[in-house]
Amino acid sequence: MMTKKSPWTIRAALFFRRMLIICLFLLVGACVIPFSANAFDVLLGTGEPGSFSYFSGRTICRIINKQVEDLHCTVAPAANDVHNLTNLQGGSLDVCLTDSRMLYDAVSGKGNFEFFDISYDNLREMVTLYDVPMSLVVRENAGITTLDNLKGKRINAGAPRSPQHFVVDTLMGIKSWSNKDFSLLEELPPSLSQDTMAFCHGAIQAMVHIGVHPDPALQQLFRLCQARLLTLSQADMGALLNSHPAFIRAEIPADTYSSFPEKVTTFGTQIKLVTSSNLDDETVYAILDALYNDRNSLKKAHPTLGEFMGSESEKGDTDIKRHPGAVKFFVEQGL
């Protein structure tokens, strides 16, 4: 005698039959579709959120994620280059954006790395991304037309051990100046606009600007606070370039700012994409290839990022080893 199956029994049988078919399809797909053994996440160290380094890192990650199927790039912001380079050296980061001076100091055991019991010899350069001019912003009524005119003036050096303070220390070094050579030497940080407010109110007559151009904040200083940028003489430029291997000649083109249309010659450093010798050649090659093929996206993000591949012949004399994957890429591209 035949027994009638319940509706629940029929539905259960259909469910398990469908699951069996799905599992078979997945098994066949796993056997047919190739799987890349090199697929992994790439952690990219940058500056803090809000910095141009962080903005650049996010732009780079978007391009990598769009162009390279086997890589997933994620930005890891940090307070400074010391943090990023140390984590890169130790393997906590795969790549990072770093200043050329800091990279040289890390590998050479100088500057902020002088007392570190860490070897950074495994760091490898991938490519120069863009130049970072270091500029002196002076008040128009301060009578500062040359670097020598800074003597006796009211200046802001920036917070102790900050990049701005380093620039002032460097300028004082080539001129053999001391703090006593200024009527006032403030150490105001840029946080909460402390330095720009003091500048606009006339409490200080000169301050340091480090960063890419055009910069909206600098445009505001030109428009509202009687500011101008100081062009360095050839003699001062020569002394500055000789003071550190990573320094380069930097120019801010004329008409970069509508309120200050002049061309400015100064010195600066470069931001480099850096990795370690532990990252495989294929991944380094794939990252550079993705950036090279999508240069338009870099340029659209910011004009400065359009300098990608354009600064290779102008890089500072740092002798930092280039990663073999990067060497292969540049040779094949004829760059």
Protein backbone atom coordinates (compact mmCIF):
# COMPACT_ATOMS: atom_id res chain seq x y z
CA MET A 1 0.00 0.00 0.00
CA MET A 2 1.45 3.38 -1.05
CA THR A 3 1.66 6.16 1.51
CA LYS A 4 1.16 9.76 0.52
CA LYS A 5 4.14 12.04 1.22
CA SER A 6 3.49 15.17 3.22
CA PRO A 7 4.07 18.61 1.60
CA TRP A 8 6.90 19.25 4.09
CA THR A 9 8.69 16.05 2.97
CA ILE A 10 8.39 17.07 -0.68
CA ARG A 11 9.74 20.58 -0.02
CA ALA A 12 12.67 19.17 1.98
CA ALA A 13 13.58 16.78 -0.81
CA LEU A 14 13.50 19.60 -3.38
CA PHE A 15 15.67 21.81 -1.13
CA PHE A 16 18.38 19.17 -0.65
CA ARG A 17 18.35 18.33 -4.37
CA ARG A 18 18.91 22.03 -5.23
CA MET A 19 21.69 22.32 -2.66
CA LEU A 20 23.39 19.26 -4.20
CA ILE A 21 23.25 20.84 -7.66
CA ILE A 22 24.65 24.16 -6.33
CA CYS A 23 27.52 22.35 -4.58
CA LEU A 24 28.37 20.51 -7.79
CA PHE A 25 28.48 23.78 -9.73
CA LEU A 26 30.77 25.34 -7.10
CA LEU A 27 33.07 22.32 -7.16
CA VAL A 28 33.33 22.40 -10.95
CA GLY A 29 33.92 26.16 -10.89
CA ALA A 30 36.73 25.82 -8.39
CA CYS A 31 38.43 23.29 -10.63
CA VAL A 32 37.96 25.24 -13.86
CA ILE A 33 38.50 28.87 -12.77
CA PRO A 34 42.16 29.56 -11.97
CA PHE A 35 42.95 30.93 -8.50
CA SER A 36 45.85 33.33 -8.04
CA ALA A 37 48.21 32.36 -5.27
CA ASN A 38 49.37 35.99 -5.09
CA ALA A 39 45.97 37.44 -4.25
CA PHE A 40 46.21 39.47 -1.03
CA ASP A 41 45.48 42.78 0.65
CA VAL A 42 47.96 45.62 0.24
CA LEU A 43 48.20 47.96 3.22
CA LEU A 44 49.31 51.46 2.19
CA GLY A 45 50.68 53.77 4.90
CA THR A 46 49.90 57.49 4.56
CA GLY A 47 49.70 60.66 6.60
CA GLU A 48 46.79 61.51 8.85
CA PRO A 49 43.24 61.98 7.52
CA GLY A 50 42.92 65.44 6.01
CA SER A 51 46.53 65.50 4.77
CA PHE A 52 47.45 65.48 1.09
CA SER A 53 49.33 62.23 1.73
CA TYR A 54 46.10 60.58 2.90
CA PHE A 55 44.21 61.97 -0.09
CA SER A 56 46.92 60.66 -2.44
CA GLY A 57 46.91 57.25 -0.78
CA ARG A 58 43.16 56.88 -1.19
CA THR A 59 43.47 57.87 -4.85
CA ILE A 60 46.21 55.29 -5.39
CA CYS A 61 44.20 52.57 -3.67
CA ARG A 62 41.16 53.29 -5.83
CA ILE A 63 43.26 52.89 -8.97
CA ILE A 64 44.87 49.65 -7.73
CA ASN A 65 41.52 48.18 -6.75
CA LYS A 66 40.08 49.07 -10.15
CA GLN A 67 43.03 47.99 -12.28
CA VAL A 68 44.53 44.94 -10.51
CA GLU A 69 42.23 41.98 -10.04
CA ASP A 70 44.34 40.10 -7.47
CA LEU A 71 45.07 43.02 -5.13
CA HIS A 72 42.95 44.92 -2.66
CA CYS A 73 44.51 48.16 -1.41
CA THR A 74 43.58 49.71 1.93
CA VAL A 75 44.86 52.99 3.37
CA ALA A 76 46.44 52.95 6.84
CA PRO A 77 46.88 56.55 8.10
CA ALA A 78 49.55 57.39 10.68
CA ALA A 79 50.88 60.42 12.53
CA ASN A 80 54.21 60.70 10.71
CA ASP A 81 56.81 59.13 8.42
CA VAL A 82 58.75 57.64 11.32
CA HIS A 83 55.72 55.53 12.18
CA ASN A 84 55.16 54.46 8.57
CA LEU A 85 58.77 53.63 7.76
CA THR A 86 59.22 51.65 10.97
CA ASN A 87 56.05 49.65 10.29
CA LEU A 88 57.11 49.10 6.69
CA GLN A 89 60.51 47.88 7.85
CA GLY A 90 58.89 45.50 10.31
CA GLY A 91 56.33 44.11 7.86
CA SER A 92 53.18 45.72 9.28
CA LEU A 93 52.78 47.72 6.05
CA ASP A 94 53.25 46.60 2.45
CA VAL A 95 53.89 50.04 0.94
CA CYS A 96 53.82 53.63 2.17
CA LEU A 97 54.04 57.22 1.02
CA THR A 98 57.03 58.95 2.55
CA ASP A 99 59.12 62.09 2.24
CA SER A 100 62.47 61.59 0.48
CA ARG A 101 64.37 63.27 3.32
CA MET A 102 62.84 60.98 5.91
CA LEU A 103 63.54 57.96 3.73
CA TYR A 104 67.19 58.94 3.37
CA ASP A 105 67.53 59.66 7.09
CA ALA A 106 65.98 56.28 7.97
CA VAL A 107 68.33 54.28 5.73
CA SER A 108 71.33 56.40 6.78
CA GLY A 109 70.53 56.45 10.51
CA LYS A 110 70.39 60.23 10.68
CA GLY A 111 67.94 62.93 11.76
CA ASN A 112 64.94 61.54 13.61
CA PHE A 113 66.38 58.02 13.22
CA GLU A 114 69.80 58.75 14.72
CA PHE A 115 69.19 56.92 17.98
CA PHE A 116 67.00 54.09 16.63
CA ASP A 117 68.41 50.59 17.10
CA ILE A 118 66.67 49.49 13.90
CA SER A 119 68.08 48.76 10.45
CA TYR A 120 66.04 50.17 7.56
CA ASP A 121 68.25 48.59 4.89
CA ASN A 122 65.34 46.53 3.55
CA LEU A 123 63.45 49.61 2.34
CA ARG A 124 63.13 49.91 -1.43
CA GLU A 125 61.94 52.79 -3.60
CA MET A 126 59.17 52.18 -6.13
CA VAL A 127 58.57 55.58 -7.72
CA THR A 128 58.54 59.32 -7.10
CA LEU A 129 54.98 60.60 -6.97
CA TYR A 130 55.29 64.37 -6.64
CA ASP A 131 57.44 67.25 -5.44
CA VAL A 132 56.84 69.11 -2.20
CA PRO A 133 58.14 72.71 -2.25
CA MET A 134 59.24 74.33 1.00
CA SER A 135 58.32 77.99 0.79
CA LEU A 136 58.77 81.06 2.92
CA VAL A 137 55.59 83.12 3.23
CA VAL A 138 56.36 86.77 4.06
CA ARG A 139 54.29 89.88 4.64
CA GLU A 140 54.44 92.41 1.82
CA ASN A 141 55.13 95.30 4.23
CA ALA A 142 57.96 93.48 6.05
CA GLY A 143 60.69 94.45 3.59
CA ILE A 144 61.73 90.81 3.04
CA THR A 145 62.88 90.37 -0.57
CA THR A 146 65.83 88.02 0.04
CA LEU A 147 66.67 85.35 2.60
CA ASP A 148 69.16 87.72 4.24
CA ASN A 149 66.30 90.12 5.02
CA LEU A 150 64.87 87.58 7.50
CA LYS A 151 67.51 88.57 10.02
CA GLY A 152 66.02 90.77 12.72
CA LYS A 153 62.43 89.98 11.75
CA ARG A 154 59.57 88.27 13.61
CA ILE A 155 59.27 84.72 12.31
CA ASN A 156 57.46 81.53 13.18
CA ALA A 157 59.56 78.35 13.19
CA GLY A 158 56.67 75.95 13.78
CA ALA A 159 56.29 73.41 16.55
CA PRO A 160 59.56 71.85 17.81
CA ARG A 161 60.69 68.87 15.66
CA SER A 162 57.99 69.63 13.09
CA PRO A 163 58.76 69.75 9.33
CA GLN A 164 58.38 73.55 9.46
CA HIS A 165 60.91 73.83 12.28
CA PHE A 166 63.30 71.64 10.32
CA VAL A 167 63.12 74.09 7.39
CA VAL A 168 63.87 77.06 9.65
CA ASP A 169 66.74 75.14 11.30
CA THR A 170 68.13 74.38 7.83
CA LEU A 171 67.94 78.02 6.74
CA MET A 172 69.59 79.15 9.97
CA GLY A 173 72.31 76.55 9.42
CA ILE A 174 73.35 77.75 5.97
CA LYS A 175 73.32 81.36 7.22
CA SER A 176 75.06 80.59 10.55
CA TRP A 177 72.21 82.29 12.43
CA SER A 178 70.99 81.68 15.96
CA ASN A 179 67.68 82.48 17.67
CA LYS A 180 69.17 85.77 18.81
CA ASP A 181 69.35 86.96 15.19
CA PHE A 182 65.55 87.43 15.15
CA SER A 183 63.51 89.98 17.02
CA LEU A 184 61.00 87.21 17.69
CA LEU A 185 61.09 83.47 17.01
CA GLU A 186 57.73 81.84 17.69
CA GLU A 187 57.04 78.10 17.70
CA LEU A 188 53.36 78.12 16.76
CA PRO A 189 51.87 74.95 15.21
CA PRO A 190 49.47 75.06 12.23
CA SER A 191 46.74 73.41 14.30
CA LEU A 192 43.71 75.65 14.86
CA SER A 193 45.35 78.07 12.38
CA GLN A 194 47.61 79.44 15.11
CA ASP A 195 50.42 80.29 12.68
CA THR A 196 48.22 81.86 9.98
CA MET A 197 46.27 83.92 12.52
CA ALA A 198 49.49 85.31 13.96
CA PHE A 199 50.67 86.06 10.42
CA CYS A 200 47.47 87.80 9.38
CA HIS A 201 47.43 89.95 12.53
CA GLY A 202 51.05 90.98 11.99
CA ALA A 203 52.43 89.28 15.10
CA ILE A 204 54.88 87.43 12.84
CA GLN A 205 56.29 88.58 9.50
CA ALA A 206 57.38 85.26 8.01
CA MET A 207 56.34 81.61 8.24
CA VAL A 208 57.01 78.35 6.43
CA HIS A 209 54.63 76.63 4.04
CA ILE A 210 55.30 72.98 3.14
CA GLY A 211 53.00 71.33 0.66
CA VAL A 212 51.72 70.99 -2.86
CA HIS A 213 50.32 73.77 -5.01
CA PRO A 214 47.78 75.15 -5.58
CA ASP A 215 46.73 75.31 -1.92
CA PRO A 216 43.42 77.05 -1.08
CA ALA A 217 44.70 78.06 2.35
CA LEU A 218 47.66 79.83 0.77
CA GLN A 219 45.37 81.58 -1.69
CA GLN A 220 43.46 82.97 1.29
CA LEU A 221 46.69 84.36 2.77
CA PHE A 222 47.49 86.09 -0.53
CA ARG A 223 44.03 87.55 -0.80
CA LEU A 224 43.38 88.61 2.80
CA CYS A 225 46.69 88.92 4.66
CA GLN A 226 49.17 90.76 2.41
CA ALA A 227 51.24 87.61 1.85
CA ARG A 228 53.78 86.73 -0.82
CA LEU A 229 56.22 83.88 -1.44
CA LEU A 230 59.96 84.43 -1.29
CA THR A 231 62.12 83.42 -4.25
CA LEU A 232 65.55 82.13 -3.24
CA SER A 233 68.76 83.40 -4.83
CA GLN A 234 71.04 81.08 -6.76
CA ALA A 235 73.66 81.22 -4.00
CA ASP A 236 71.16 80.34 -1.27
CA MET A 237 69.70 77.59 -3.45
CA GLY A 238 73.14 76.06 -3.95
CA ALA A 239 73.82 76.07 -0.20
CA LEU A 240 70.46 74.47 0.54
CA LEU A 241 70.83 71.73 -2.07
CA ASN A 242 74.23 70.87 -0.62
CA SER A 243 72.87 70.68 2.93
CA HIS A 244 70.92 67.43 2.40
CA PRO A 245 71.07 64.78 -0.36
CA ALA A 246 67.28 64.59 -0.63
CA PHE A 247 66.74 68.29 -1.36
CA ILE A 248 65.74 69.30 -4.88
CA ARG A 249 65.18 72.54 -6.74
CA ALA A 250 61.44 73.26 -6.79
CA GLU A 251 59.46 75.79 -8.77
CA ILE A 252 55.94 77.11 -8.32
CA PRO A 253 54.83 78.14 -11.82
CA ALA A 254 53.62 81.64 -12.55
CA ASP A 255 49.86 82.16 -12.31
CA THR A 256 49.42 79.23 -9.92
CA TYR A 257 47.58 81.74 -7.73
CA SER A 258 45.45 84.52 -9.15
CA SER A 259 46.34 86.77 -6.20
CA PHE A 260 50.06 86.08 -6.58
CA PRO A 261 50.91 85.45 -10.27
CA GLU A 262 54.71 85.38 -9.92
CA LYS A 263 56.94 82.35 -10.50
CA VAL A 264 58.72 81.21 -7.33
CA THR A 265 62.01 79.31 -7.11
CA THR A 266 62.64 77.46 -3.88
CA PHE A 267 63.81 74.08 -2.59
CA GLY A 268 61.92 71.02 -1.54
CA THR A 269 61.69 67.26 -1.19
CA GLN A 270 59.73 64.53 -2.94
CA ILE A 271 57.04 62.11 -1.91
CA LYS A 272 57.92 58.56 -2.86
CA LEU A 273 56.04 55.30 -2.96
CA VAL A 274 58.20 52.93 -0.92
CA THR A 275 58.08 49.23 -0.11
CA SER A 276 60.44 46.65 1.37
CA SER A 277 62.52 43.90 -0.18
CA ASN A 278 59.94 41.42 1.16
CA LEU A 279 57.25 42.44 -1.35
CA ASP A 280 57.41 40.27 -4.48
CA ASP A 281 58.43 41.67 -7.86
CA GLU A 282 55.09 40.83 -9.52
CA THR A 283 53.06 42.87 -7.03
CA VAL A 284 55.34 45.90 -7.31
CA TYR A 285 55.20 45.69 -11.10
CA ALA A 286 51.39 45.38 -11.06
CA ILE A 287 51.00 48.44 -8.82
CA LEU A 288 53.22 50.63 -10.99
CA ASP A 289 51.57 49.35 -14.16
CA ALA A 290 48.12 50.22 -12.78
CA LEU A 291 49.20 53.76 -11.84
CA TYR A 292 50.94 54.29 -15.17
CA ASN A 293 47.93 53.11 -17.16
CA ASP A 294 45.56 55.34 -15.20
CA ARG A 295 47.65 58.50 -15.04
CA ASN A 296 44.63 60.56 -16.07
CA SER A 297 42.83 59.63 -12.85
CA LEU A 298 45.83 60.82 -10.84
CA LYS A 299 45.91 64.13 -12.70
CA LYS A 300 42.16 64.63 -12.33
CA ALA A 301 42.42 64.05 -8.58
CA HIS A 302 44.97 66.90 -8.24
CA PRO A 303 47.34 68.61 -10.72
CA THR A 304 50.33 67.70 -8.54
CA LEU A 305 49.63 63.99 -8.92
CA GLY A 306 49.93 64.54 -12.67
CA GLU A 307 53.70 64.80 -12.06
CA PHE A 308 53.75 60.99 -11.67
CA MET A 309 56.65 59.61 -13.74
CA GLY A 310 57.68 63.16 -14.53
CA SER A 311 60.06 63.61 -11.59
CA GLU A 312 62.26 60.56 -12.11
CA SER A 313 65.09 62.48 -13.76
CA GLU A 314 64.96 65.20 -11.09
CA LYS A 315 65.07 63.07 -7.97
CA GLY A 316 67.49 63.90 -5.19
CA ASP A 317 70.84 62.19 -4.91
CA THR A 318 69.81 59.77 -2.16
CA ASP A 319 71.05 56.47 -3.67
CA ILE A 320 68.13 54.56 -2.13
CA LYS A 321 67.89 51.11 -3.74
CA ARG A 322 65.02 50.62 -6.16
CA HIS A 323 62.89 47.50 -5.90
CA PRO A 324 63.65 44.92 -8.65
CA GLY A 325 59.98 44.89 -9.67
CA ALA A 326 60.17 48.65 -10.21
CA VAL A 327 63.43 48.32 -12.15
CA LYS A 328 61.77 45.79 -14.48
CA PHE A 329 58.79 48.08 -14.98
CA PHE A 330 60.86 51.15 -15.87
CA VAL A 331 63.11 49.19 -18.23
CA GLU A 332 60.15 47.71 -20.09
CA GLN A 333 58.42 51.10 -20.32
CA GLY A 334 61.61 52.81 -21.45
CA LEU A 335 61.35 55.36 -18.65
